[in-house]
């Protein structure tokens, strides 16, 4: 039997990785710089790999995972579109994505601390996702 903290942590990670993919998808068409676009596409590929890994573990537990909060997803979409209408630039996209990465890192660390008895495999996935978010925020600083 898988520990409840493990399932809860995987669910939060599932929602977070899906939110990251959706956010990248929301901004990709606005990006002009090819290097910036490359960073986003590579990060999205890594998010998808993690999503598959998370889903596999959830499937083993007969759990459907968790979708991102519809309100948070809607607010994110609204914020992206409002900011892009005001200033459609790589700078604006970098600002939005950096903010999203920081929020993701904060939330994931909170869940890592909250679900202390989760198994090491699940904790490792969360740590890899945190690293991925931190690396993207660092890579795109040049576009701020």
C-alpha atoms as a PDB file:
ATOM      1  CA  UNK A   1       0.000   0.000   0.000  1.00  0.00           C
ATOM      2  CA  UNK A   2       1.367   3.382  -0.995  1.00  0.00           C
ATOM      3  CA  UNK A   3       1.595   5.983   1.748  1.00  0.00           C
ATOM      4  CA  UNK A   4      -1.111   8.679   1.594  1.00  0.00           C
ATOM      5  CA  UNK A   5       1.550  11.419   1.633  1.00  0.00           C
ATOM      6  CA  UNK A   6       3.058   9.901  -1.507  1.00  0.00           C
ATOM      7  CA  UNK A   7      -0.252  10.073  -3.371  1.00  0.00           C
ATOM      8  CA  UNK A   8      -0.973  13.596  -2.135  1.00  0.00           C
ATOM      9  CA  UNK A   9       2.490  14.776  -3.168  1.00  0.00           C
ATOM     10  CA  UNK A  10       2.152  13.166  -6.603  1.00  0.00           C
ATOM     11  CA  UNK A  11      -1.260  14.788  -7.083  1.00  0.00           C
ATOM     12  CA  UNK A  12       0.119  18.252  -6.317  1.00  0.00           C
ATOM     13  CA  UNK A  13       3.078  17.607  -8.581  1.00  0.00           C
ATOM     14  CA  UNK A  14       0.697  16.433 -11.311  1.00  0.00           C
ATOM     15  CA  UNK A  15      -1.319  19.646 -11.070  1.00  0.00           C
ATOM     16  CA  UNK A  16       1.854  21.744 -11.019  1.00  0.00           C
ATOM     17  CA  UNK A  17       3.432  20.112 -14.052  1.00  0.00           C
ATOM     18  CA  UNK A  18       0.176  20.477 -16.005  1.00  0.00           C
ATOM     19  CA  UNK A  19      -0.018  24.152 -15.025  1.00  0.00           C
ATOM     20  CA  UNK A  20       3.560  24.657 -16.233  1.00  0.00           C
ATOM     21  CA  UNK A  21       2.827  23.051 -19.598  1.00  0.00           C
ATOM     22  CA  UNK A  22      -0.355  25.113 -20.044  1.00  0.00           C
ATOM     23  CA  UNK A  23       1.489  28.342 -19.180  1.00  0.00           C
ATOM     24  CA  UNK A  24       4.252  27.645 -21.682  1.00  0.00           C
ATOM     25  CA  UNK A  25       1.639  26.827 -24.324  1.00  0.00           C
ATOM     26  CA  UNK A  26      -0.155  30.107 -23.556  1.00  0.00           C
ATOM     27  CA  UNK A  27       2.934  32.233 -24.261  1.00  0.00           C
ATOM     28  CA  UNK A  28       4.891  30.373 -26.952  1.00  0.00           C
ATOM     29  CA  UNK A  29       3.222  32.130 -29.873  1.00  0.00           C
ATOM     30  CA  UNK A  30       4.206  35.524 -28.448  1.00  0.00           C
ATOM     31  CA  UNK A  31       7.942  34.767 -28.244  1.00  0.00           C
ATOM     32  CA  UNK A  32      10.105  36.253 -30.986  1.00  0.00           C
ATOM     33  CA  UNK A  33      13.638  35.317 -29.914  1.00  0.00           C
ATOM     34  CA  UNK A  34      14.621  31.820 -31.083  1.00  0.00           C
ATOM     35  CA  UNK A  35      16.842  31.155 -28.052  1.00  0.00           C
ATOM     36  CA  UNK A  36      14.009  32.085 -25.714  1.00  0.00           C
ATOM     37  CA  UNK A  37      11.610  29.876 -27.674  1.00  0.00           C
ATOM     38  CA  UNK A  38      14.149  27.036 -27.447  1.00  0.00           C
ATOM     39  CA  UNK A  39      14.345  27.361 -23.643  1.00  0.00           C
ATOM     40  CA  UNK A  40      10.567  27.215 -23.379  1.00  0.00           C
ATOM     41  CA  UNK A  41      10.229  24.237 -25.737  1.00  0.00           C
ATOM     42  CA  UNK A  42      12.957  22.283 -23.938  1.00  0.00           C
ATOM     43  CA  UNK A  43      11.388  23.012 -20.564  1.00  0.00           C
ATOM     44  CA  UNK A  44       8.001  21.918 -21.873  1.00  0.00           C
ATOM     45  CA  UNK A  45       9.505  18.626 -23.117  1.00  0.00           C
ATOM     46  CA  UNK A  46      10.955  17.988 -19.656  1.00  0.00           C
ATOM     47  CA  UNK A  47       7.610  18.835 -18.037  1.00  0.00           C
ATOM     48  CA  UNK A  48       5.880  16.330 -20.321  1.00  0.00           C
ATOM     49  CA  UNK A  49       8.421  13.619 -19.390  1.00  0.00           C
ATOM     50  CA  UNK A  50       7.793  14.279 -15.703  1.00  0.00           C
ATOM     51  CA  UNK A  51       4.038  14.279 -16.276  1.00  0.00           C
ATOM     52  CA  UNK A  52       4.261  10.816 -17.852  1.00  0.00           C
ATOM     53  CA  UNK A  53       6.385   9.565 -14.949  1.00  0.00           C
ATOM     54  CA  UNK A  54       3.958  11.028 -12.390  1.00  0.00           C
ATOM     55  CA  UNK A  55       0.952   9.550 -14.203  1.00  0.00           C
ATOM     56  CA  UNK A  56       2.601   6.140 -14.251  1.00  0.00           C
ATOM     57  CA  UNK A  57       3.078   6.229 -10.478  1.00  0.00           C
ATOM     58  CA  UNK A  58      -0.464   7.465  -9.951  1.00  0.00           C
ATOM     59  CA  UNK A  59      -1.792   4.709 -12.217  1.00  0.00           C
ATOM     60  CA  UNK A  60      -0.044   2.135 -10.026  1.00  0.00           C
ATOM     61  CA  UNK A  61      -2.072   3.523  -7.120  1.00  0.00           C
ATOM     62  CA  UNK A  62      -5.273   3.628  -9.176  1.00  0.00           C
ATOM     63  CA  UNK A  63      -5.370   7.408  -8.752  1.00  0.00           C
ATOM     64  CA  UNK A  64      -6.461   9.850 -11.448  1.00  0.00           C
ATOM     65  CA  UNK A  65      -4.110  12.622 -10.361  1.00  0.00           C
ATOM     66  CA  UNK A  66      -5.121  16.217 -10.087  1.00  0.00           C
ATOM     67  CA  UNK A  67      -5.899  18.930 -12.585  1.00  0.00           C
ATOM     68  CA  UNK A  68      -4.711  22.466 -11.895  1.00  0.00           C
ATOM     69  CA  UNK A  69      -7.193  24.581  -9.978  1.00  0.00           C
ATOM     70  CA  UNK A  70      -9.581  25.937 -12.664  1.00  0.00           C
ATOM     71  CA  UNK A  71      -9.642  29.351 -10.984  1.00  0.00           C
ATOM     72  CA  UNK A  72      -5.825  29.542 -10.886  1.00  0.00           C
ATOM     73  CA  UNK A  73      -5.591  28.360 -14.492  1.00  0.00           C
ATOM     74  CA  UNK A  74      -8.199  30.891 -15.612  1.00  0.00           C
ATOM     75  CA  UNK A  75      -6.539  33.732 -13.725  1.00  0.00           C
ATOM     76  CA  UNK A  76      -3.177  32.796 -15.235  1.00  0.00           C
ATOM     77  CA  UNK A  77      -4.635  32.792 -18.746  1.00  0.00           C
ATOM     78  CA  UNK A  78      -6.347  36.129 -18.109  1.00  0.00           C
ATOM     79  CA  UNK A  79      -3.184  37.704 -16.718  1.00  0.00           C
ATOM     80  CA  UNK A  80      -1.088  36.468 -19.636  1.00  0.00           C
ATOM     81  CA  UNK A  81      -3.526  37.781 -22.210  1.00  0.00           C
ATOM     82  CA  UNK A  82      -4.051  41.115 -20.451  1.00  0.00           C
ATOM     83  CA  UNK A  83      -0.313  41.756 -20.146  1.00  0.00           C
ATOM     84  CA  UNK A  84       0.350  40.685 -23.717  1.00  0.00           C
ATOM     85  CA  UNK A  85      -2.308  43.081 -25.036  1.00  0.00           C
ATOM     86  CA  UNK A  86      -0.594  45.923 -23.175  1.00  0.00           C
ATOM     87  CA  UNK A  87       2.959  44.973 -24.216  1.00  0.00           C
ATOM     88  CA  UNK A  88       3.549  42.081 -26.578  1.00  0.00           C
ATOM     89  CA  UNK A  89       7.259  41.447 -26.095  1.00  0.00           C
ATOM     90  CA  UNK A  90       9.762  38.819 -25.039  1.00  0.00           C
ATOM     91  CA  UNK A  91      10.351  40.930 -21.937  1.00  0.00           C
ATOM     92  CA  UNK A  92       6.692  40.573 -20.919  1.00  0.00           C
ATOM     93  CA  UNK A  93       6.722  36.819 -21.545  1.00  0.00           C
ATOM     94  CA  UNK A  94       9.950  36.428 -19.542  1.00  0.00           C
ATOM     95  CA  UNK A  95       8.402  38.371 -16.683  1.00  0.00           C
ATOM     96  CA  UNK A  96       5.253  36.219 -16.697  1.00  0.00           C
ATOM     97  CA  UNK A  97       7.116  32.916 -16.940  1.00  0.00           C
ATOM     98  CA  UNK A  98       9.607  33.904 -14.242  1.00  0.00           C
ATOM     99  CA  UNK A  99       6.726  34.785 -11.952  1.00  0.00           C
ATOM    100  CA  UNK A 100       5.076  31.434 -12.692  1.00  0.00           C
ATOM    101  CA  UNK A 101       8.307  29.528 -12.080  1.00  0.00           C
ATOM    102  CA  UNK A 102       8.785  31.276  -8.740  1.00  0.00           C
ATOM    103  CA  UNK A 103       5.216  30.465  -7.694  1.00  0.00           C
ATOM    104  CA  UNK A 104       5.723  26.848  -8.747  1.00  0.00           C
ATOM    105  CA  UNK A 105       8.966  26.507  -6.809  1.00  0.00           C
ATOM    106  CA  UNK A 106       7.341  28.009  -3.725  1.00  0.00           C
ATOM    107  CA  UNK A 107       4.311  25.687  -3.919  1.00  0.00           C
ATOM    108  CA  UNK A 108       6.346  22.569  -4.638  1.00  0.00           C
ATOM    109  CA  UNK A 109       8.684  23.237  -1.719  1.00  0.00           C
ATOM    110  CA  UNK A 110       5.651  23.753   0.512  1.00  0.00           C
ATOM    111  CA  UNK A 111       4.213  20.381  -0.548  1.00  0.00           C
ATOM    112  CA  UNK A 112       7.594  18.691  -0.140  1.00  0.00           C
ATOM    113  CA  UNK A 113       7.678  19.935   3.464  1.00  0.00           C
ATOM    114  CA  UNK A 114       4.008  19.152   4.060  1.00  0.00           C
ATOM    115  CA  UNK A 115       4.116  15.536   2.858  1.00  0.00           C
ATOM    116  CA  UNK A 116       7.236  14.423   4.711  1.00  0.00           C
ATOM    117  CA  UNK A 117       6.402  10.705   4.689  1.00  0.00           C
ATOM    118  CA  UNK A 118       6.076  10.509   0.898  1.00  0.00           C
ATOM    119  CA  UNK A 119       8.402   7.971  -0.670  1.00  0.00           C
ATOM    120  CA  UNK A 120      11.809   8.996  -1.985  1.00  0.00           C
ATOM    121  CA  UNK A 121      10.871   8.363  -5.630  1.00  0.00           C
ATOM    122  CA  UNK A 122       8.050  10.920  -5.417  1.00  0.00           C
ATOM    123  CA  UNK A 123      10.211  13.413  -3.533  1.00  0.00           C
ATOM    124  CA  UNK A 124      12.850  13.030  -6.244  1.00  0.00           C
ATOM    125  CA  UNK A 125      10.305  13.882  -8.950  1.00  0.00           C
ATOM    126  CA  UNK A 126       9.290  17.023  -7.053  1.00  0.00           C
ATOM    127  CA  UNK A 127      12.942  18.025  -6.634  1.00  0.00           C
ATOM    128  CA  UNK A 128      13.559  17.535 -10.359  1.00  0.00           C
ATOM    129  CA  UNK A 129      10.524  19.684 -11.164  1.00  0.00           C
ATOM    130  CA  UNK A 130      11.743  22.380  -8.768  1.00  0.00           C
ATOM    131  CA  UNK A 131      15.164  22.287 -10.433  1.00  0.00           C
ATOM    132  CA  UNK A 132      13.546  22.522 -13.877  1.00  0.00           C
ATOM    133  CA  UNK A 133      11.543  25.601 -12.837  1.00  0.00           C
ATOM    134  CA  UNK A 134      14.570  27.254 -11.232  1.00  0.00           C
ATOM    135  CA  UNK A 135      16.714  26.580 -14.299  1.00  0.00           C
ATOM    136  CA  UNK A 136      14.119  28.039 -16.678  1.00  0.00           C
ATOM    137  CA  UNK A 137      13.799  31.186 -14.563  1.00  0.00           C
ATOM    138  CA  UNK A 138      17.579  31.540 -14.617  1.00  0.00           C
ATOM    139  CA  UNK A 139      17.911  30.836 -18.353  1.00  0.00           C
ATOM    140  CA  UNK A 140      15.368  33.476 -19.326  1.00  0.00           C
ATOM    141  CA  UNK A 141      16.682  36.277 -17.072  1.00  0.00           C
ATOM    142  CA  UNK A 142      18.452  37.704 -20.095  1.00  0.00           C
ATOM    143  CA  UNK A 143      15.033  38.489 -21.612  1.00  0.00           C
ATOM    144  CA  UNK A 144      13.720  40.448 -18.601  1.00  0.00           C
END
